[in-house]
């Protein structure tokens, strides 16, 4: 998603430096029009920094790790932190950024790699009016919808946790329903054809079930995302003394899929857990 966001910002007319642990991605972005120079030489000149990484630890490393950039940014620069993280972490990062004069927008994203590439993300954002104002030119380039959820960092991450609860459960239940249908003679392609037009559908069903039908688990969002994201949901629920048993059940299915060696596959591969347990053969498998 980070590459798509960078490409969308570039199309929006911004000068964009792409950074990735994969040198091939950096070279690809530079060949597409990204700035050819190294980031280290221009950090102090940046107006905005988009951080699209896996988790809180990586976000903190980018900002305050051994090579963190927060202290090198100019006063008034804005950080858009887009990973799914606990609300308390977002509040902590915002406070630490404020200590060095940097604005922080708690800005988790939704929409997947395709919408990121098309500049059509939904962003659940919270932060000060100054942070929103500084981030607006970038937000206009990468998002179709920006939900402004208040001036308190953490509100965006709280809403993202709600979204991820539903999204993770929907993927797992899609896989359960599709494979249950197979036990009753309902072919996966017929499942998609019918259920996508019925009340049992969801955005995740319509987006992910075709991956199973095609037998294509090229990762758009990987299995490994969900133990982290649903784990965050359950941590928040625990702190709120809130029982979330359906979330816990979905989490275990993703953990099982990762344990089977499918962690880096598309998250629709959670269907392989159900298929294994039921002795089913999914499309594309022998």
C-alpha atoms as a PDB file:
ATOM      1  CA  UNK A   1       0.000   0.000   0.000  1.00  0.00           C
ATOM      2  CA  UNK A   2       2.896   2.334   0.696  1.00  0.00           C
ATOM      3  CA  UNK A   3       4.039   2.215  -2.914  1.00  0.00           C
ATOM      4  CA  UNK A   4       0.545   3.014  -4.140  1.00  0.00           C
ATOM      5  CA  UNK A   5       0.262   5.933  -1.747  1.00  0.00           C
ATOM      6  CA  UNK A   6       3.623   7.295  -2.868  1.00  0.00           C
ATOM      7  CA  UNK A   7       2.598   6.968  -6.512  1.00  0.00           C
ATOM      8  CA  UNK A   8      -0.698   8.748  -5.812  1.00  0.00           C
ATOM      9  CA  UNK A   9       1.129  11.597  -4.066  1.00  0.00           C
ATOM     10  CA  UNK A  10       3.451  11.840  -7.054  1.00  0.00           C
ATOM     11  CA  UNK A  11       0.489  12.113  -9.438  1.00  0.00           C
ATOM     12  CA  UNK A  12      -0.865  14.812  -7.151  1.00  0.00           C
ATOM     13  CA  UNK A  13       2.072  17.005  -8.092  1.00  0.00           C
ATOM     14  CA  UNK A  14       4.225  16.519  -4.990  1.00  0.00           C
ATOM     15  CA  UNK A  15       7.936  15.907  -4.852  1.00  0.00           C
ATOM     16  CA  UNK A  16       8.116  12.447  -3.295  1.00  0.00           C
ATOM     17  CA  UNK A  17      11.033  10.489  -1.860  1.00  0.00           C
ATOM     18  CA  UNK A  18      10.242   6.777  -1.669  1.00  0.00           C
ATOM     19  CA  UNK A  19      11.890   4.716   1.087  1.00  0.00           C
ATOM     20  CA  UNK A  20      11.621   0.956   1.467  1.00  0.00           C
ATOM     21  CA  UNK A  21      13.683  -1.895   2.884  1.00  0.00           C
ATOM     22  CA  UNK A  22      13.426  -3.437  -0.598  1.00  0.00           C
ATOM     23  CA  UNK A  23      15.889  -1.603  -2.891  1.00  0.00           C
ATOM     24  CA  UNK A  24      13.981  -2.843  -5.921  1.00  0.00           C
ATOM     25  CA  UNK A  25      10.870  -0.951  -4.844  1.00  0.00           C
ATOM     26  CA  UNK A  26      12.892   2.229  -4.393  1.00  0.00           C
ATOM     27  CA  UNK A  27      14.453   1.864  -7.851  1.00  0.00           C
ATOM     28  CA  UNK A  28      11.042   1.190  -9.375  1.00  0.00           C
ATOM     29  CA  UNK A  29       9.582   4.288  -7.750  1.00  0.00           C
ATOM     30  CA  UNK A  30      12.459   6.485  -8.868  1.00  0.00           C
ATOM     31  CA  UNK A  31      12.057   5.256 -12.433  1.00  0.00           C
ATOM     32  CA  UNK A  32       8.374   6.229 -12.202  1.00  0.00           C
ATOM     33  CA  UNK A  33       9.246   9.808 -11.292  1.00  0.00           C
ATOM     34  CA  UNK A  34      10.156   9.694  -7.616  1.00  0.00           C
ATOM     35  CA  UNK A  35      12.990  11.909  -6.456  1.00  0.00           C
ATOM     36  CA  UNK A  36      16.375  10.365  -7.318  1.00  0.00           C
ATOM     37  CA  UNK A  37      18.292  11.613  -4.287  1.00  0.00           C
ATOM     38  CA  UNK A  38      18.626   9.948  -0.895  1.00  0.00           C
ATOM     39  CA  UNK A  39      16.168  10.956   1.819  1.00  0.00           C
ATOM     40  CA  UNK A  40      18.849  11.687   4.406  1.00  0.00           C
ATOM     41  CA  UNK A  41      19.924  14.823   2.586  1.00  0.00           C
ATOM     42  CA  UNK A  42      16.475  16.390   2.492  1.00  0.00           C
ATOM     43  CA  UNK A  43      14.775  15.333   5.741  1.00  0.00           C
ATOM     44  CA  UNK A  44      15.050  18.849   7.182  1.00  0.00           C
ATOM     45  CA  UNK A  45      13.217  20.254   4.149  1.00  0.00           C
ATOM     46  CA  UNK A  46      10.245  17.892   4.121  1.00  0.00           C
ATOM     47  CA  UNK A  47       6.747  19.247   4.660  1.00  0.00           C
ATOM     48  CA  UNK A  48       5.104  15.862   5.269  1.00  0.00           C
ATOM     49  CA  UNK A  49       6.106  12.287   6.007  1.00  0.00           C
ATOM     50  CA  UNK A  50       3.845   9.324   5.250  1.00  0.00           C
ATOM     51  CA  UNK A  51       4.625   6.245   7.331  1.00  0.00           C
ATOM     52  CA  UNK A  52       2.987   3.116   5.904  1.00  0.00           C
ATOM     53  CA  UNK A  53       4.541   0.199   7.785  1.00  0.00           C
ATOM     54  CA  UNK A  54       3.351  -2.961   9.505  1.00  0.00           C
ATOM     55  CA  UNK A  55       3.002  -2.041  13.161  1.00  0.00           C
ATOM     56  CA  UNK A  56       3.699   0.245  16.092  1.00  0.00           C
ATOM     57  CA  UNK A  57       7.299  -0.904  16.541  1.00  0.00           C
ATOM     58  CA  UNK A  58       8.169  -0.047  12.952  1.00  0.00           C
ATOM     59  CA  UNK A  59       6.388   3.306  13.210  1.00  0.00           C
ATOM     60  CA  UNK A  60       8.366   4.184  16.327  1.00  0.00           C
ATOM     61  CA  UNK A  61      11.600   3.070  14.674  1.00  0.00           C
ATOM     62  CA  UNK A  62      11.023   5.345  11.678  1.00  0.00           C
ATOM     63  CA  UNK A  63      10.414   8.291  13.966  1.00  0.00           C
ATOM     64  CA  UNK A  64      12.620   7.729  17.016  1.00  0.00           C
ATOM     65  CA  UNK A  65      14.852   4.718  16.314  1.00  0.00           C
ATOM     66  CA  UNK A  66      18.604   4.813  15.778  1.00  0.00           C
ATOM     67  CA  UNK A  67      18.048   6.395  12.367  1.00  0.00           C
ATOM     68  CA  UNK A  68      14.743   8.036  13.264  1.00  0.00           C
ATOM     69  CA  UNK A  69      13.804  11.194  11.431  1.00  0.00           C
ATOM     70  CA  UNK A  70      11.570  13.027  13.925  1.00  0.00           C
ATOM     71  CA  UNK A  71      14.309  15.172  15.435  1.00  0.00           C
ATOM     72  CA  UNK A  72      15.583  16.137  11.976  1.00  0.00           C
ATOM     73  CA  UNK A  73      12.246  17.363  10.641  1.00  0.00           C
ATOM     74  CA  UNK A  74      11.611  21.089  10.542  1.00  0.00           C
ATOM     75  CA  UNK A  75       9.137  22.650  12.982  1.00  0.00           C
ATOM     76  CA  UNK A  76       5.634  22.414  11.583  1.00  0.00           C
ATOM     77  CA  UNK A  77       6.298  19.388   9.391  1.00  0.00           C
ATOM     78  CA  UNK A  78       3.552  16.781   9.678  1.00  0.00           C
ATOM     79  CA  UNK A  79       3.787  13.028  10.143  1.00  0.00           C
ATOM     80  CA  UNK A  80       0.905  10.958   8.773  1.00  0.00           C
ATOM     81  CA  UNK A  81       1.081   7.648  10.643  1.00  0.00           C
ATOM     82  CA  UNK A  82      -0.934   5.080   8.693  1.00  0.00           C
ATOM     83  CA  UNK A  83      -0.278   1.712  10.358  1.00  0.00           C
ATOM     84  CA  UNK A  84      -2.867  -0.039  12.507  1.00  0.00           C
ATOM     85  CA  UNK A  85      -1.697   0.648  16.072  1.00  0.00           C
ATOM     86  CA  UNK A  86      -3.226   0.874  19.557  1.00  0.00           C
ATOM     87  CA  UNK A  87      -4.791   4.266  20.330  1.00  0.00           C
ATOM     88  CA  UNK A  88      -2.472   4.720  23.319  1.00  0.00           C
ATOM     89  CA  UNK A  89       0.541   4.329  21.035  1.00  0.00           C
ATOM     90  CA  UNK A  90      -0.793   7.029  18.691  1.00  0.00           C
ATOM     91  CA  UNK A  91      -1.199   9.396  21.628  1.00  0.00           C
ATOM     92  CA  UNK A  92       2.341   8.681  22.780  1.00  0.00           C
ATOM     93  CA  UNK A  93       3.820   9.287  19.323  1.00  0.00           C
ATOM     94  CA  UNK A  94       1.877  12.527  18.974  1.00  0.00           C
ATOM     95  CA  UNK A  95       3.222  13.750  22.322  1.00  0.00           C
ATOM     96  CA  UNK A  96       6.802  12.820  21.455  1.00  0.00           C
ATOM     97  CA  UNK A  97       6.526  14.514  18.061  1.00  0.00           C
ATOM     98  CA  UNK A  98       5.132  17.636  19.714  1.00  0.00           C
ATOM     99  CA  UNK A  99       8.223  17.781  21.940  1.00  0.00           C
ATOM    100  CA  UNK A 100      10.366  18.310  18.836  1.00  0.00           C
ATOM    101  CA  UNK A 101       7.918  20.682  17.132  1.00  0.00           C
ATOM    102  CA  UNK A 102       6.505  18.148  14.678  1.00  0.00           C
ATOM    103  CA  UNK A 103       2.795  17.721  13.977  1.00  0.00           C
ATOM    104  CA  UNK A 104       1.277  14.234  14.097  1.00  0.00           C
ATOM    105  CA  UNK A 105      -1.824  12.967  12.345  1.00  0.00           C
ATOM    106  CA  UNK A 106      -3.175   9.635  13.556  1.00  0.00           C
ATOM    107  CA  UNK A 107      -4.209   8.450  10.097  1.00  0.00           C
ATOM    108  CA  UNK A 108      -4.837   4.712   9.679  1.00  0.00           C
ATOM    109  CA  UNK A 109      -5.939   3.683   6.213  1.00  0.00           C
ATOM    110  CA  UNK A 110      -8.439   1.318   4.625  1.00  0.00           C
ATOM    111  CA  UNK A 111      -8.991   0.207   1.064  1.00  0.00           C
ATOM    112  CA  UNK A 112      -6.212  -2.179   0.125  1.00  0.00           C
ATOM    113  CA  UNK A 113      -3.446  -1.967  -2.427  1.00  0.00           C
ATOM    114  CA  UNK A 114      -5.690  -1.190  -5.408  1.00  0.00           C
ATOM    115  CA  UNK A 115      -7.335   1.823  -3.809  1.00  0.00           C
ATOM    116  CA  UNK A 116      -3.946   2.982  -2.544  1.00  0.00           C
ATOM    117  CA  UNK A 117      -2.611   2.888  -6.104  1.00  0.00           C
ATOM    118  CA  UNK A 118      -5.639   4.833  -7.367  1.00  0.00           C
ATOM    119  CA  UNK A 119      -5.572   7.495  -4.656  1.00  0.00           C
ATOM    120  CA  UNK A 120      -8.936   6.287  -3.374  1.00  0.00           C
ATOM    121  CA  UNK A 121      -8.186   5.292   0.229  1.00  0.00           C
ATOM    122  CA  UNK A 122     -10.446   5.899   3.191  1.00  0.00           C
ATOM    123  CA  UNK A 123      -8.524   7.483   6.048  1.00  0.00           C
ATOM    124  CA  UNK A 124      -9.698   7.532   9.653  1.00  0.00           C
ATOM    125  CA  UNK A 125      -7.836  10.546  10.969  1.00  0.00           C
ATOM    126  CA  UNK A 126      -7.504  12.481  14.183  1.00  0.00           C
ATOM    127  CA  UNK A 127      -5.155  15.229  15.240  1.00  0.00           C
ATOM    128  CA  UNK A 128      -4.898  18.932  15.816  1.00  0.00           C
ATOM    129  CA  UNK A 129      -6.373  21.409  13.323  1.00  0.00           C
ATOM    130  CA  UNK A 130      -2.786  22.389  12.507  1.00  0.00           C
ATOM    131  CA  UNK A 131      -1.930  18.764  11.683  1.00  0.00           C
ATOM    132  CA  UNK A 132      -4.960  18.438   9.416  1.00  0.00           C
ATOM    133  CA  UNK A 133      -4.116  21.689   7.664  1.00  0.00           C
ATOM    134  CA  UNK A 134      -0.500  20.685   7.075  1.00  0.00           C
ATOM    135  CA  UNK A 135      -1.517  17.225   5.858  1.00  0.00           C
ATOM    136  CA  UNK A 136      -4.349  18.359   3.589  1.00  0.00           C
ATOM    137  CA  UNK A 137      -2.374  18.543   0.309  1.00  0.00           C
ATOM    138  CA  UNK A 138      -1.167  14.979   0.782  1.00  0.00           C
ATOM    139  CA  UNK A 139      -4.558  13.711   1.939  1.00  0.00           C
ATOM    140  CA  UNK A 140      -6.155  15.179  -1.177  1.00  0.00           C
ATOM    141  CA  UNK A 141      -3.763  13.126  -3.311  1.00  0.00           C
ATOM    142  CA  UNK A 142      -4.086   9.739  -1.626  1.00  0.00           C
ATOM    143  CA  UNK A 143      -7.644   9.545  -0.297  1.00  0.00           C
ATOM    144  CA  UNK A 144     -11.194   9.519  -1.599  1.00  0.00           C
ATOM    145  CA  UNK A 145     -12.582   9.997   1.894  1.00  0.00           C
ATOM    146  CA  UNK A 146     -10.984  11.466   4.989  1.00  0.00           C
ATOM    147  CA  UNK A 147     -12.989  10.981   8.156  1.00  0.00           C
ATOM    148  CA  UNK A 148     -12.027  13.756  10.571  1.00  0.00           C
ATOM    149  CA  UNK A 149     -12.543  12.152  13.969  1.00  0.00           C
ATOM    150  CA  UNK A 150     -11.474  14.953  16.248  1.00  0.00           C
ATOM    151  CA  UNK A 151      -8.397  16.707  17.516  1.00  0.00           C
ATOM    152  CA  UNK A 152      -7.292  13.944  19.899  1.00  0.00           C
ATOM    153  CA  UNK A 153      -4.732  11.495  18.456  1.00  0.00           C
ATOM    154  CA  UNK A 154      -5.875   7.948  19.075  1.00  0.00           C
ATOM    155  CA  UNK A 155      -9.433   8.457  17.850  1.00  0.00           C
ATOM    156  CA  UNK A 156      -8.405   7.457  14.339  1.00  0.00           C
ATOM    157  CA  UNK A 157      -6.714   4.321  15.614  1.00  0.00           C
ATOM    158  CA  UNK A 158      -9.740   3.446  17.746  1.00  0.00           C
ATOM    159  CA  UNK A 159     -11.972   3.619  14.674  1.00  0.00           C
ATOM    160  CA  UNK A 160      -9.475   1.542  12.678  1.00  0.00           C
ATOM    161  CA  UNK A 161      -9.626  -1.135  15.381  1.00  0.00           C
ATOM    162  CA  UNK A 162     -13.410  -1.268  14.958  1.00  0.00           C
ATOM    163  CA  UNK A 163     -12.961  -1.579  11.192  1.00  0.00           C
ATOM    164  CA  UNK A 164     -10.346  -4.305  11.532  1.00  0.00           C
ATOM    165  CA  UNK A 165     -12.552  -6.297  13.890  1.00  0.00           C
ATOM    166  CA  UNK A 166     -15.200  -6.411  11.190  1.00  0.00           C
ATOM    167  CA  UNK A 167     -12.793  -6.902   8.284  1.00  0.00           C
ATOM    168  CA  UNK A 168     -10.930  -9.791   9.908  1.00  0.00           C
ATOM    169  CA  UNK A 169     -14.115 -11.508  11.017  1.00  0.00           C
ATOM    170  CA  UNK A 170     -15.636 -11.040   7.550  1.00  0.00           C
ATOM    171  CA  UNK A 171     -12.658 -12.683   5.841  1.00  0.00           C
ATOM    172  CA  UNK A 172     -12.686 -15.623   8.225  1.00  0.00           C
ATOM    173  CA  UNK A 173     -16.442 -16.109   7.986  1.00  0.00           C
ATOM    174  CA  UNK A 174     -16.288 -15.791   4.185  1.00  0.00           C
ATOM    175  CA  UNK A 175     -13.779 -18.642   4.173  1.00  0.00           C
ATOM    176  CA  UNK A 176     -15.947 -20.650   6.543  1.00  0.00           C
ATOM    177  CA  UNK A 177     -19.076 -20.106   4.468  1.00  0.00           C
ATOM    178  CA  UNK A 178     -17.360 -20.858   1.150  1.00  0.00           C
ATOM    179  CA  UNK A 179     -15.869 -24.116   2.393  1.00  0.00           C
ATOM    180  CA  UNK A 180     -19.079 -25.064   4.208  1.00  0.00           C
ATOM    181  CA  UNK A 181     -20.828 -24.619   0.863  1.00  0.00           C
ATOM    182  CA  UNK A 182     -18.332 -26.975  -0.731  1.00  0.00           C
ATOM    183  CA  UNK A 183     -19.371 -29.725   1.698  1.00  0.00           C
ATOM    184  CA  UNK A 184     -22.896 -29.301   0.347  1.00  0.00           C
ATOM    185  CA  UNK A 185     -21.915 -29.372  -3.305  1.00  0.00           C
ATOM    186  CA  UNK A 186     -21.805 -25.597  -3.781  1.00  0.00           C
ATOM    187  CA  UNK A 187     -18.846 -24.791  -6.030  1.00  0.00           C
ATOM    188  CA  UNK A 188     -16.756 -21.764  -4.994  1.00  0.00           C
ATOM    189  CA  UNK A 189     -17.501 -19.871  -8.205  1.00  0.00           C
ATOM    190  CA  UNK A 190     -21.234 -20.425  -7.736  1.00  0.00           C
ATOM    191  CA  UNK A 191     -20.897 -19.297  -4.110  1.00  0.00           C
ATOM    192  CA  UNK A 192     -19.451 -15.980  -5.289  1.00  0.00           C
ATOM    193  CA  UNK A 193     -22.037 -15.570  -8.037  1.00  0.00           C
ATOM    194  CA  UNK A 194     -24.984 -16.063  -5.715  1.00  0.00           C
ATOM    195  CA  UNK A 195     -23.954 -14.813  -2.281  1.00  0.00           C
ATOM    196  CA  UNK A 196     -22.436 -11.596  -3.625  1.00  0.00           C
ATOM    197  CA  UNK A 197     -25.985 -10.676  -4.709  1.00  0.00           C
ATOM    198  CA  UNK A 198     -27.635 -11.750  -1.457  1.00  0.00           C
ATOM    199  CA  UNK A 199     -27.922 -10.413   2.074  1.00  0.00           C
ATOM    200  CA  UNK A 200     -24.983 -12.490   3.303  1.00  0.00           C
ATOM    201  CA  UNK A 201     -22.457 -10.579   1.236  1.00  0.00           C
ATOM    202  CA  UNK A 202     -19.804  -8.151   2.445  1.00  0.00           C
ATOM    203  CA  UNK A 203     -17.098  -6.052   0.819  1.00  0.00           C
ATOM    204  CA  UNK A 204     -14.508  -8.527   2.038  1.00  0.00           C
ATOM    205  CA  UNK A 205     -16.451 -11.466   0.612  1.00  0.00           C
ATOM    206  CA  UNK A 206     -16.720  -9.813  -2.786  1.00  0.00           C
ATOM    207  CA  UNK A 207     -13.053  -8.809  -2.742  1.00  0.00           C
ATOM    208  CA  UNK A 208     -11.418 -11.940  -1.302  1.00  0.00           C
ATOM    209  CA  UNK A 209     -13.578 -14.900  -2.333  1.00  0.00           C
ATOM    210  CA  UNK A 210     -12.600 -14.474  -6.017  1.00  0.00           C
ATOM    211  CA  UNK A 211      -8.977 -15.058  -4.965  1.00  0.00           C
ATOM    212  CA  UNK A 212     -10.001 -18.502  -3.695  1.00  0.00           C
ATOM    213  CA  UNK A 213     -11.972 -19.217  -6.854  1.00  0.00           C
ATOM    214  CA  UNK A 214      -8.916 -18.313  -8.935  1.00  0.00           C
ATOM    215  CA  UNK A 215      -6.563 -20.272  -6.686  1.00  0.00           C
ATOM    216  CA  UNK A 216      -4.426 -17.111  -6.596  1.00  0.00           C
ATOM    217  CA  UNK A 217      -3.019 -16.172  -3.198  1.00  0.00           C
ATOM    218  CA  UNK A 218      -0.702 -13.414  -4.374  1.00  0.00           C
ATOM    219  CA  UNK A 219      -0.768 -11.153  -1.295  1.00  0.00           C
ATOM    220  CA  UNK A 220      -2.745  -7.947  -1.507  1.00  0.00           C
ATOM    221  CA  UNK A 221      -3.089  -8.130   2.273  1.00  0.00           C
ATOM    222  CA  UNK A 222      -1.348 -11.067   3.893  1.00  0.00           C
ATOM    223  CA  UNK A 223      -2.481 -13.584   6.492  1.00  0.00           C
ATOM    224  CA  UNK A 224       0.228 -12.254   8.813  1.00  0.00           C
ATOM    225  CA  UNK A 225      -1.545  -8.903   9.069  1.00  0.00           C
ATOM    226  CA  UNK A 226      -4.429 -10.373  11.029  1.00  0.00           C
ATOM    227  CA  UNK A 227      -2.785 -11.865  14.120  1.00  0.00           C
ATOM    228  CA  UNK A 228      -1.339  -8.398  14.631  1.00  0.00           C
ATOM    229  CA  UNK A 229      -4.503  -6.394  13.913  1.00  0.00           C
ATOM    230  CA  UNK A 230      -6.975  -8.681  15.678  1.00  0.00           C
ATOM    231  CA  UNK A 231      -4.468  -8.953  18.515  1.00  0.00           C
ATOM    232  CA  UNK A 232      -4.650  -5.155  18.857  1.00  0.00           C
ATOM    233  CA  UNK A 233      -8.450  -5.361  18.920  1.00  0.00           C
ATOM    234  CA  UNK A 234      -8.363  -7.949  21.685  1.00  0.00           C
ATOM    235  CA  UNK A 235      -5.795  -5.978  23.692  1.00  0.00           C
ATOM    236  CA  UNK A 236      -8.037  -2.910  23.536  1.00  0.00           C
ATOM    237  CA  UNK A 237     -11.066  -5.034  24.425  1.00  0.00           C
ATOM    238  CA  UNK A 238      -9.247  -6.479  27.425  1.00  0.00           C
ATOM    239  CA  UNK A 239      -8.327  -3.021  28.691  1.00  0.00           C
ATOM    240  CA  UNK A 240     -11.978  -1.989  28.303  1.00  0.00           C
ATOM    241  CA  UNK A 241     -13.181  -5.188  30.049  1.00  0.00           C
ATOM    242  CA  UNK A 242     -15.096  -6.006  26.875  1.00  0.00           C
ATOM    243  CA  UNK A 243     -15.637  -9.582  25.702  1.00  0.00           C
ATOM    244  CA  UNK A 244     -15.000 -10.129  21.966  1.00  0.00           C
ATOM    245  CA  UNK A 245     -15.383 -13.882  21.414  1.00  0.00           C
ATOM    246  CA  UNK A 246     -16.062 -13.733  17.672  1.00  0.00           C
ATOM    247  CA  UNK A 247     -12.886 -11.709  17.155  1.00  0.00           C
ATOM    248  CA  UNK A 248     -10.956 -14.268  19.198  1.00  0.00           C
ATOM    249  CA  UNK A 249     -12.303 -17.119  17.079  1.00  0.00           C
ATOM    250  CA  UNK A 250     -11.343 -15.375  13.843  1.00  0.00           C
ATOM    251  CA  UNK A 251      -7.881 -14.637  15.211  1.00  0.00           C
ATOM    252  CA  UNK A 252      -7.268 -18.326  15.868  1.00  0.00           C
ATOM    253  CA  UNK A 253      -8.047 -19.183  12.260  1.00  0.00           C
ATOM    254  CA  UNK A 254      -5.446 -16.713  10.996  1.00  0.00           C
ATOM    255  CA  UNK A 255      -2.935 -18.016  13.539  1.00  0.00           C
ATOM    256  CA  UNK A 256      -3.627 -21.525  12.242  1.00  0.00           C
ATOM    257  CA  UNK A 257      -3.152 -20.391   8.635  1.00  0.00           C
ATOM    258  CA  UNK A 258       0.188 -18.810   9.520  1.00  0.00           C
ATOM    259  CA  UNK A 259       1.177 -21.972  11.363  1.00  0.00           C
ATOM    260  CA  UNK A 260       0.444 -23.973   8.207  1.00  0.00           C
ATOM    261  CA  UNK A 261       2.980 -21.832   6.355  1.00  0.00           C
ATOM    262  CA  UNK A 262       0.558 -19.439   4.651  1.00  0.00           C
ATOM    263  CA  UNK A 263       1.500 -16.279   6.559  1.00  0.00           C
ATOM    264  CA  UNK A 264       2.860 -14.445   3.519  1.00  0.00           C
ATOM    265  CA  UNK A 265      -0.014 -15.453   1.248  1.00  0.00           C
ATOM    266  CA  UNK A 266      -3.127 -13.390   0.604  1.00  0.00           C
ATOM    267  CA  UNK A 267      -5.368 -13.399   3.647  1.00  0.00           C
ATOM    268  CA  UNK A 268      -7.986 -15.357   1.689  1.00  0.00           C
ATOM    269  CA  UNK A 269      -5.648 -18.307   2.335  1.00  0.00           C
ATOM    270  CA  UNK A 270      -7.366 -18.650   5.716  1.00  0.00           C
ATOM    271  CA  UNK A 271      -9.767 -20.836   3.695  1.00  0.00           C
ATOM    272  CA  UNK A 272      -6.994 -23.442   3.572  1.00  0.00           C
ATOM    273  CA  UNK A 273      -7.455 -24.041   7.299  1.00  0.00           C
ATOM    274  CA  UNK A 274     -11.094 -24.965   6.789  1.00  0.00           C
ATOM    275  CA  UNK A 275     -10.292 -27.000   3.677  1.00  0.00           C
ATOM    276  CA  UNK A 276      -7.615 -28.997   5.475  1.00  0.00           C
ATOM    277  CA  UNK A 277      -9.844 -29.733   8.436  1.00  0.00           C
ATOM    278  CA  UNK A 278     -12.714 -30.839   6.204  1.00  0.00           C
ATOM    279  CA  UNK A 279     -10.626 -32.769   3.690  1.00  0.00           C
ATOM    280  CA  UNK A 280     -11.583 -30.410   0.859  1.00  0.00           C
ATOM    281  CA  UNK A 281      -9.589 -29.467  -2.235  1.00  0.00           C
ATOM    282  CA  UNK A 282      -9.708 -25.784  -3.080  1.00  0.00           C
ATOM    283  CA  UNK A 283      -9.464 -24.483  -6.662  1.00  0.00           C
ATOM    284  CA  UNK A 284      -5.934 -24.628  -8.020  1.00  0.00           C
ATOM    285  CA  UNK A 285      -4.857 -27.307  -5.552  1.00  0.00           C
ATOM    286  CA  UNK A 286      -4.315 -30.992  -6.151  1.00  0.00           C
END
